[in-house]
PDB file of N, CA and C in Angstrom:
ATOM      1  N   GLY A   1     -14.012  12.686 -10.756  1.00  0.00           N
ATOM      2  CA  GLY A   1     -14.214  11.298 -10.424  1.00  0.00           C
ATOM      3  C   GLY A   1     -13.330  10.887  -9.275  1.00  0.00           C
ATOM      4  N   MET A   2     -13.316   9.623  -9.027  1.00  0.00           N
ATOM      5  CA  MET A   2     -12.593   9.029  -7.921  1.00  0.00           C
ATOM      6  C   MET A   2     -11.304   8.394  -8.438  1.00  0.00           C
ATOM      7  N   THR A   3     -10.239   8.458  -7.649  1.00  0.00           N
ATOM      8  CA  THR A   3      -8.971   7.823  -7.986  1.00  0.00           C
ATOM      9  C   THR A   3      -8.667   6.751  -6.954  1.00  0.00           C
ATOM     10  N   VAL A   4      -8.284   5.572  -7.414  1.00  0.00           N
ATOM     11  CA  VAL A   4      -7.897   4.483  -6.527  1.00  0.00           C
ATOM     12  C   VAL A   4      -6.465   4.110  -6.847  1.00  0.00           C
ATOM     13  N   CYS A   5      -5.602   4.154  -5.837  1.00  0.00           N
ATOM     14  CA  CYS A   5      -4.200   3.771  -6.018  1.00  0.00           C
ATOM     15  C   CYS A   5      -4.019   2.356  -5.483  1.00  0.00           C
ATOM     16  N   ALA A   6      -3.579   1.452  -6.335  1.00  0.00           N
ATOM     17  CA  ALA A   6      -3.336   0.070  -5.917  1.00  0.00           C
ATOM     18  C   ALA A   6      -2.005   0.000  -5.196  1.00  0.00           C
ATOM     19  N   ARG A   7      -2.028  -0.488  -3.982  1.00  0.00           N
ATOM     20  CA  ARG A   7      -0.808  -0.595  -3.200  1.00  0.00           C
ATOM     21  C   ARG A   7      -0.220  -2.006  -3.271  1.00  0.00           C
ATOM     22  N   SER A   8      -0.954  -2.913  -3.876  1.00  0.00           N
ATOM     23  CA  SER A   8      -0.451  -4.276  -4.052  1.00  0.00           C
ATOM     24  C   SER A   8      -0.456  -4.597  -5.539  1.00  0.00           C
ATOM     25  N   ALA A   9      -0.175  -5.836  -5.865  1.00  0.00           N
ATOM     26  CA  ALA A   9      -0.075  -6.229  -7.274  1.00  0.00           C
ATOM     27  C   ALA A   9      -1.433  -6.429  -7.932  1.00  0.00           C
ATOM     28  N   GLY A  10      -2.533  -6.312  -7.172  1.00  0.00           N
ATOM     29  CA  GLY A  10      -3.839  -6.538  -7.771  1.00  0.00           C
ATOM     30  C   GLY A  10      -4.957  -5.787  -7.082  1.00  0.00           C
ATOM     31  N   VAL A  11      -6.040  -5.558  -7.838  1.00  0.00           N
ATOM     32  CA  VAL A  11      -7.237  -4.905  -7.317  1.00  0.00           C
ATOM     33  C   VAL A  11      -8.442  -5.715  -7.775  1.00  0.00           C
ATOM     34  N   GLN A  12      -9.243  -6.173  -6.817  1.00  0.00           N
ATOM     35  CA  GLN A  12     -10.482  -6.876  -7.147  1.00  0.00           C
ATOM     36  C   GLN A  12     -11.628  -5.873  -7.101  1.00  0.00           C
ATOM     37  N   ILE A  13     -12.483  -5.905  -8.134  1.00  0.00           N
ATOM     38  CA  ILE A  13     -13.574  -4.951  -8.293  1.00  0.00           C
ATOM     39  C   ILE A  13     -14.897  -5.698  -8.265  1.00  0.00           C
ATOM     40  N   GLY A  14     -15.879  -5.147  -7.548  1.00  0.00           N
ATOM     41  CA  GLY A  14     -17.200  -5.763  -7.495  1.00  0.00           C
ATOM     42  C   GLY A  14     -18.134  -4.980  -6.595  1.00  0.00           C
ATOM     43  N   ARG A  15     -19.246  -5.614  -6.238  1.00  0.00           N
ATOM     44  CA  ARG A  15     -20.204  -4.964  -5.350  1.00  0.00           C
ATOM     45  C   ARG A  15     -19.777  -5.055  -3.894  1.00  0.00           C
ATOM     46  N   GLU A  16     -19.079  -6.138  -3.524  1.00  0.00           N
ATOM     47  CA  GLU A  16     -18.736  -6.324  -2.113  1.00  0.00           C
ATOM     48  C   GLU A  16     -17.505  -7.210  -1.955  1.00  0.00           C
ATOM     49  N   GLY A  17     -16.806  -7.022  -0.851  1.00  0.00           N
ATOM     50  CA  GLY A  17     -15.705  -7.902  -0.487  1.00  0.00           C
ATOM     51  C   GLY A  17     -14.414  -7.738  -1.264  1.00  0.00           C
ATOM     52  N   GLY A  18     -14.342  -6.755  -2.155  1.00  0.00           N
ATOM     53  CA  GLY A  18     -13.129  -6.553  -2.942  1.00  0.00           C
ATOM     54  C   GLY A  18     -12.349  -5.342  -2.469  1.00  0.00           C
ATOM     55  N   ASP A  19     -11.429  -4.898  -3.294  1.00  0.00           N
ATOM     56  CA  ASP A  19     -10.635  -3.710  -2.987  1.00  0.00           C
ATOM     57  C   ASP A  19     -11.351  -2.436  -3.430  1.00  0.00           C
ATOM     58  N   LEU A  20     -12.161  -2.545  -4.481  1.00  0.00           N
ATOM     59  CA  LEU A  20     -12.920  -1.415  -5.026  1.00  0.00           C
ATOM     60  C   LEU A  20     -14.365  -1.885  -5.152  1.00  0.00           C
ATOM     61  N   ASN A  21     -15.246  -1.383  -4.260  1.00  0.00           N
ATOM     62  CA  ASN A  21     -16.619  -1.869  -4.158  1.00  0.00           C
ATOM     63  C   ASN A  21     -17.631  -0.812  -4.579  1.00  0.00           C
ATOM     64  N   PHE A  22     -18.651  -1.253  -5.319  1.00  0.00           N
ATOM     65  CA  PHE A  22     -19.769  -0.411  -5.741  1.00  0.00           C
ATOM     66  C   PHE A  22     -21.056  -1.130  -5.324  1.00  0.00           C
ATOM     67  N   PRO A  23     -21.440  -1.041  -4.039  1.00  0.00           N
ATOM     68  CA  PRO A  23     -22.540  -1.848  -3.508  1.00  0.00           C
ATOM     69  C   PRO A  23     -23.910  -1.580  -4.126  1.00  0.00           C
ATOM     70  N   THR A  24     -24.132  -0.436  -4.721  1.00  0.00           N
ATOM     71  CA  THR A  24     -25.454  -0.127  -5.276  1.00  0.00           C
ATOM     72  C   THR A  24     -25.579  -0.435  -6.761  1.00  0.00           C
ATOM     73  N   ASP A  25     -24.507  -0.911  -7.398  1.00  0.00           N
ATOM     74  CA  ASP A  25     -24.544  -1.206  -8.836  1.00  0.00           C
ATOM     75  C   ASP A  25     -25.021  -2.643  -9.049  1.00  0.00           C
ATOM     76  N   LEU A  26     -26.305  -2.805  -9.339  1.00  0.00           N
ATOM     77  CA  LEU A  26     -26.892  -4.135  -9.490  1.00  0.00           C
ATOM     78  C   LEU A  26     -26.469  -4.834 -10.771  1.00  0.00           C
ATOM     79  N   TYR A  27     -25.803  -4.122 -11.686  1.00  0.00           N
ATOM     80  CA  TYR A  27     -25.294  -4.731 -12.916  1.00  0.00           C
ATOM     81  C   TYR A  27     -23.908  -5.337 -12.717  1.00  0.00           C
ATOM     82  N   MET A  28     -23.346  -5.129 -11.535  1.00  0.00           N
ATOM     83  CA  MET A  28     -22.018  -5.628 -11.209  1.00  0.00           C
ATOM     84  C   MET A  28     -22.162  -6.830 -10.284  1.00  0.00           C
ATOM     85  N   SER A  29     -21.393  -7.870 -10.529  1.00  0.00           N
ATOM     86  CA  SER A  29     -21.402  -9.045  -9.653  1.00  0.00           C
ATOM     87  C   SER A  29     -20.667  -8.723  -8.356  1.00  0.00           C
ATOM     88  N   ALA A  30     -20.925  -9.525  -7.317  1.00  0.00           N
ATOM     89  CA  ALA A  30     -20.260  -9.298  -6.033  1.00  0.00           C
ATOM     90  C   ALA A  30     -18.739  -9.291  -6.212  1.00  0.00           C
ATOM     91  N   SER A  31     -18.201 -10.281  -6.900  1.00  0.00           N
ATOM     92  CA  SER A  31     -16.787 -10.323  -7.292  1.00  0.00           C
ATOM     93  C   SER A  31     -16.776 -10.315  -8.813  1.00  0.00           C
ATOM     94  N   HIS A  32     -16.609  -9.152  -9.416  1.00  0.00           N
ATOM     95  CA  HIS A  32     -16.822  -9.000 -10.854  1.00  0.00           C
ATOM     96  C   HIS A  32     -15.562  -9.274 -11.681  1.00  0.00           C
ATOM     97  N   CYS A  33     -14.471  -8.605 -11.337  1.00  0.00           N
ATOM     98  CA  CYS A  33     -13.232  -8.774 -12.097  1.00  0.00           C
ATOM     99  C   CYS A  33     -12.051  -8.365 -11.236  1.00  0.00           C
ATOM    100  N   LYS A  34     -10.858  -8.620 -11.765  1.00  0.00           N
ATOM    101  CA  LYS A  34      -9.659  -8.183 -11.051  1.00  0.00           C
ATOM    102  C   LYS A  34      -8.655  -7.637 -12.052  1.00  0.00           C
ATOM    103  N   VAL A  35      -7.849  -6.706 -11.582  1.00  0.00           N
ATOM    104  CA  VAL A  35      -6.755  -6.128 -12.353  1.00  0.00           C
ATOM    105  C   VAL A  35      -5.484  -6.483 -11.596  1.00  0.00           C
ATOM    106  N   GLU A  36      -4.545  -7.143 -12.280  1.00  0.00           N
ATOM    107  CA  GLU A  36      -3.306  -7.579 -11.642  1.00  0.00           C
ATOM    108  C   GLU A  36      -2.098  -7.186 -12.471  1.00  0.00           C
ATOM    109  N   GLU A  37      -0.978  -6.958 -11.785  1.00  0.00           N
ATOM    110  CA  GLU A  37       0.294  -6.707 -12.459  1.00  0.00           C
ATOM    111  C   GLU A  37       1.035  -8.038 -12.529  1.00  0.00           C
ATOM    112  N   ALA A  38       1.490  -8.377 -13.731  1.00  0.00           N
ATOM    113  CA  ALA A  38       2.270  -9.603 -13.921  1.00  0.00           C
ATOM    114  C   ALA A  38       3.321  -9.337 -14.986  1.00  0.00           C
ATOM    115  N   ALA A  39       4.564  -9.556 -14.647  1.00  0.00           N
ATOM    116  CA  ALA A  39       5.682  -9.362 -15.580  1.00  0.00           C
ATOM    117  C   ALA A  39       5.686  -7.955 -16.167  1.00  0.00           C
ATOM    118  N   GLY A  40       5.358  -6.963 -15.326  1.00  0.00           N
ATOM    119  CA  GLY A  40       5.395  -5.569 -15.767  1.00  0.00           C
ATOM    120  C   GLY A  40       4.205  -5.124 -16.593  1.00  0.00           C
ATOM    121  N   LYS A  41       3.183  -5.968 -16.713  1.00  0.00           N
ATOM    122  CA  LYS A  41       1.995  -5.619 -17.492  1.00  0.00           C
ATOM    123  C   LYS A  41       0.753  -5.767 -16.627  1.00  0.00           C
ATOM    124  N   LEU A  42      -0.288  -5.002 -16.943  1.00  0.00           N
ATOM    125  CA  LEU A  42      -1.560  -5.132 -16.242  1.00  0.00           C
ATOM    126  C   LEU A  42      -2.466  -6.088 -16.995  1.00  0.00           C
ATOM    127  N   GLN A  43      -3.087  -7.013 -16.254  1.00  0.00           N
ATOM    128  CA  GLN A  43      -4.017  -7.974 -16.839  1.00  0.00           C
ATOM    129  C   GLN A  43      -5.397  -7.757 -16.232  1.00  0.00           C
ATOM    130  N   LEU A  44      -6.421  -7.770 -17.061  1.00  0.00           N
ATOM    131  CA  LEU A  44      -7.811  -7.711 -16.619  1.00  0.00           C
ATOM    132  C   LEU A  44      -8.401  -9.106 -16.752  1.00  0.00           C
ATOM    133  N   THR A  45      -8.984  -9.616 -15.670  1.00  0.00           N
ATOM    134  CA  THR A  45      -9.599 -10.939 -15.683  1.00  0.00           C
ATOM    135  C   THR A  45     -11.030 -10.837 -15.185  1.00  0.00           C
ATOM    136  N   ASP A  46     -11.974 -11.315 -15.976  1.00  0.00           N
ATOM    137  CA  ASP A  46     -13.365 -11.403 -15.548  1.00  0.00           C
ATOM    138  C   ASP A  46     -13.486 -12.593 -14.603  1.00  0.00           C
ATOM    139  N   LEU A  47     -14.202 -12.420 -13.495  1.00  0.00           N
ATOM    140  CA  LEU A  47     -14.332 -13.482 -12.496  1.00  0.00           C
ATOM    141  C   LEU A  47     -15.672 -14.207 -12.643  1.00  0.00           C
ATOM    142  N   ASN A  48     -15.972 -14.612 -13.878  1.00  0.00           N
ATOM    143  CA  ASN A  48     -17.234 -15.301 -14.187  1.00  0.00           C
ATOM    144  C   ASN A  48     -18.448 -14.463 -13.812  1.00  0.00           C
ATOM    145  N   SER A  49     -18.361 -13.159 -14.082  1.00  0.00           N
ATOM    146  CA  SER A  49     -19.475 -12.263 -13.773  1.00  0.00           C
ATOM    147  C   SER A  49     -20.664 -12.569 -14.673  1.00  0.00           C
ATOM    148  N   ARG A  50     -21.842 -12.253 -14.182  1.00  0.00           N
ATOM    149  CA  ARG A  50     -23.071 -12.520 -14.937  1.00  0.00           C
ATOM    150  C   ARG A  50     -23.173 -11.644 -16.169  1.00  0.00           C
ATOM    151  N   ASN A  51     -22.743 -10.379 -16.081  1.00  0.00           N
ATOM    152  CA  ASN A  51     -22.893  -9.434 -17.187  1.00  0.00           C
ATOM    153  C   ASN A  51     -21.617  -9.195 -17.975  1.00  0.00           C
ATOM    154  N   GLY A  52     -20.527  -9.880 -17.643  1.00  0.00           N
ATOM    155  CA  GLY A  52     -19.282  -9.693 -18.377  1.00  0.00           C
ATOM    156  C   GLY A  52     -18.582  -8.397 -17.998  1.00  0.00           C
ATOM    157  N   THR A  53     -17.402  -8.217 -18.541  1.00  0.00           N
ATOM    158  CA  THR A  53     -16.593  -7.036 -18.286  1.00  0.00           C
ATOM    159  C   THR A  53     -16.211  -6.422 -19.616  1.00  0.00           C
ATOM    160  N   PHE A  54     -16.602  -5.156 -19.836  1.00  0.00           N
ATOM    161  CA  PHE A  54     -16.328  -4.407 -21.053  1.00  0.00           C
ATOM    162  C   PHE A  54     -17.015  -5.087 -22.217  1.00  0.00           C
ATOM    163  N   VAL A  55     -16.326  -5.678 -23.143  1.00  0.00           N
ATOM    164  CA  VAL A  55     -16.981  -6.294 -24.303  1.00  0.00           C
ATOM    165  C   VAL A  55     -17.249  -7.778 -24.019  1.00  0.00           C
ATOM    166  N   ARG A  56     -17.953  -8.013 -22.947  1.00  0.00           N
ATOM    167  CA  ARG A  56     -18.318  -9.357 -22.515  1.00  0.00           C
ATOM    168  C   ARG A  56     -17.086 -10.245 -22.372  1.00  0.00           C
ATOM    169  N   LEU A  57     -16.065  -9.664 -21.761  1.00  0.00           N
ATOM    170  CA  LEU A  57     -14.807 -10.362 -21.528  1.00  0.00           C
ATOM    171  C   LEU A  57     -15.021 -11.472 -20.507  1.00  0.00           C
ATOM    172  N   HIS A  58     -14.603 -12.655 -20.836  1.00  0.00           N
ATOM    173  CA  HIS A  58     -14.670 -13.772 -19.897  1.00  0.00           C
ATOM    174  C   HIS A  58     -13.324 -14.484 -19.849  1.00  0.00           C
ATOM    175  N   ALA A  59     -12.271 -13.727 -19.941  1.00  0.00           N
ATOM    176  CA  ALA A  59     -10.917 -14.273 -19.889  1.00  0.00           C
ATOM    177  C   ALA A  59      -9.991 -13.150 -19.437  1.00  0.00           C
ATOM    178  N   GLU A  60      -8.740 -13.194 -19.860  1.00  0.00           N
ATOM    179  CA  GLU A  60      -7.762 -12.167 -19.505  1.00  0.00           C
ATOM    180  C   GLU A  60      -7.522 -11.249 -20.685  1.00  0.00           C
ATOM    181  N   ARG A  61      -7.114 -10.007 -20.357  1.00  0.00           N
ATOM    182  CA  ARG A  61      -6.741  -9.043 -21.386  1.00  0.00           C
ATOM    183  C   ARG A  61      -5.702  -8.113 -20.794  1.00  0.00           C
ATOM    184  N   GLU A  62      -4.651  -7.824 -21.551  1.00  0.00           N
ATOM    185  CA  GLU A  62      -3.632  -6.887 -21.096  1.00  0.00           C
ATOM    186  C   GLU A  62      -4.188  -5.475 -21.169  1.00  0.00           C
ATOM    187  N   LEU A  63      -3.907  -4.669 -20.135  1.00  0.00           N
ATOM    188  CA  LEU A  63      -4.384  -3.290 -20.073  1.00  0.00           C
ATOM    189  C   LEU A  63      -3.249  -2.323 -20.343  1.00  0.00           C
ATOM    190  N   SER A  64      -3.588  -1.184 -20.914  1.00  0.00           N
ATOM    191  CA  SER A  64      -2.618  -0.125 -21.191  1.00  0.00           C
ATOM    192  C   SER A  64      -3.108   1.179 -20.586  1.00  0.00           C
ATOM    193  N   HIS A  65      -2.174   2.113 -20.389  1.00  0.00           N
ATOM    194  CA  HIS A  65      -2.514   3.439 -19.886  1.00  0.00           C
ATOM    195  C   HIS A  65      -3.579   4.066 -20.795  1.00  0.00           C
ATOM    196  N   GLY A  66      -4.625   4.590 -20.198  1.00  0.00           N
ATOM    197  CA  GLY A  66      -5.679   5.249 -20.961  1.00  0.00           C
ATOM    198  C   GLY A  66      -6.834   4.347 -21.357  1.00  0.00           C
ATOM    199  N   ASP A  67      -6.721   3.029 -21.114  1.00  0.00           N
ATOM    200  CA  ASP A  67      -7.830   2.123 -21.426  1.00  0.00           C
ATOM    201  C   ASP A  67      -9.034   2.448 -20.549  1.00  0.00           C
ATOM    202  N   TYR A  68     -10.212   2.229 -21.099  1.00  0.00           N
ATOM    203  CA  TYR A  68     -11.456   2.392 -20.350  1.00  0.00           C
ATOM    204  C   TYR A  68     -12.081   1.028 -20.116  1.00  0.00           C
ATOM    205  N   LEU A  69     -12.626   0.831 -18.914  1.00  0.00           N
ATOM    206  CA  LEU A  69     -13.304  -0.406 -18.553  1.00  0.00           C
ATOM    207  C   LEU A  69     -14.749  -0.071 -18.222  1.00  0.00           C
ATOM    208  N   PHE A  70     -15.688  -0.765 -18.820  1.00  0.00           N
ATOM    209  CA  PHE A  70     -17.093  -0.606 -18.486  1.00  0.00           C
ATOM    210  C   PHE A  70     -17.494  -1.825 -17.681  1.00  0.00           C
ATOM    211  N   ILE A  71     -17.697  -1.624 -16.375  1.00  0.00           N
ATOM    212  CA  ILE A  71     -17.973  -2.710 -15.447  1.00  0.00           C
ATOM    213  C   ILE A  71     -19.262  -2.364 -14.722  1.00  0.00           C
ATOM    214  N   GLY A  72     -20.292  -3.191 -14.884  1.00  0.00           N
ATOM    215  CA  GLY A  72     -21.598  -2.837 -14.340  1.00  0.00           C
ATOM    216  C   GLY A  72     -22.072  -1.568 -15.015  1.00  0.00           C
ATOM    217  N   LYS A  73     -22.391  -0.553 -14.227  1.00  0.00           N
ATOM    218  CA  LYS A  73     -22.768   0.749 -14.781  1.00  0.00           C
ATOM    219  C   LYS A  73     -21.665   1.781 -14.556  1.00  0.00           C
ATOM    220  N   LYS A  74     -20.463   1.324 -14.239  1.00  0.00           N
ATOM    221  CA  LYS A  74     -19.339   2.214 -13.957  1.00  0.00           C
ATOM    222  C   LYS A  74     -18.361   2.222 -15.122  1.00  0.00           C
ATOM    223  N   LEU A  75     -17.882   3.405 -15.473  1.00  0.00           N
ATOM    224  CA  LEU A  75     -16.838   3.566 -16.479  1.00  0.00           C
ATOM    225  C   LEU A  75     -15.557   3.925 -15.736  1.00  0.00           C
ATOM    226  N   LEU A  76     -14.539   3.070 -15.834  1.00  0.00           N
ATOM    227  CA  LEU A  76     -13.266   3.271 -15.138  1.00  0.00           C
ATOM    228  C   LEU A  76     -12.171   3.488 -16.163  1.00  0.00           C
ATOM    229  N   ARG A  77     -11.193   4.346 -15.830  1.00  0.00           N
ATOM    230  CA  ARG A  77     -10.066   4.624 -16.722  1.00  0.00           C
ATOM    231  C   ARG A  77      -8.791   4.135 -16.063  1.00  0.00           C
ATOM    232  N   VAL A  78      -7.964   3.431 -16.802  1.00  0.00           N
ATOM    233  CA  VAL A  78      -6.688   2.916 -16.308  1.00  0.00           C
ATOM    234  C   VAL A  78      -5.624   3.991 -16.483  1.00  0.00           C
ATOM    235  N   GLU A  79      -4.938   4.326 -15.388  1.00  0.00           N
ATOM    236  CA  GLU A  79      -3.817   5.262 -15.443  1.00  0.00           C
ATOM    237  C   GLU A  79      -2.623   4.592 -14.794  1.00  0.00           C
ATOM    238  N   ILE A  80      -1.568   4.415 -15.551  1.00  0.00           N
ATOM    239  CA  ILE A  80      -0.359   3.763 -15.059  1.00  0.00           C
ATOM    240  C   ILE A  80       0.699   4.833 -14.841  1.00  0.00           C
ATOM    241  N   THR A  81       1.195   4.910 -13.602  1.00  0.00           N
ATOM    242  CA  THR A  81       2.229   5.890 -13.263  1.00  0.00           C
ATOM    243  C   THR A  81       3.415   5.160 -12.646  1.00  0.00           C
ATOM    244  N   ALA A  82       4.550   5.812 -12.622  1.00  0.00           N
ATOM    245  CA  ALA A  82       5.753   5.226 -12.026  1.00  0.00           C
ATOM    246  C   ALA A  82       5.554   5.069 -10.530  1.00  0.00           C
ATOM    247  N   ALA A  83       6.113   4.020  -9.970  1.00  0.00           N
ATOM    248  CA  ALA A  83       5.972   3.732  -8.534  1.00  0.00           C
ATOM    249  C   ALA A  83       6.758   4.698  -7.701  1.00  0.00           C
TER     250      ALA A  83
END
């Protein structure tokens, strides 16, 4: 699979205009969700996507190493490593 290293405190995921784009995934909104670091923890926030994020998430959720995210038709795995 593909690995994306976040160089800033957040990564926006969607079909277009974000940091991680999947332009051919019609189940993903243009700006679908974002992953941000806050107070040493990762937060997942749905950006009012039409199809939701993972279990129809429409709010924030703390992420942990090894978590899986189902966004559109993509399955993503969270890997947290030391900076």
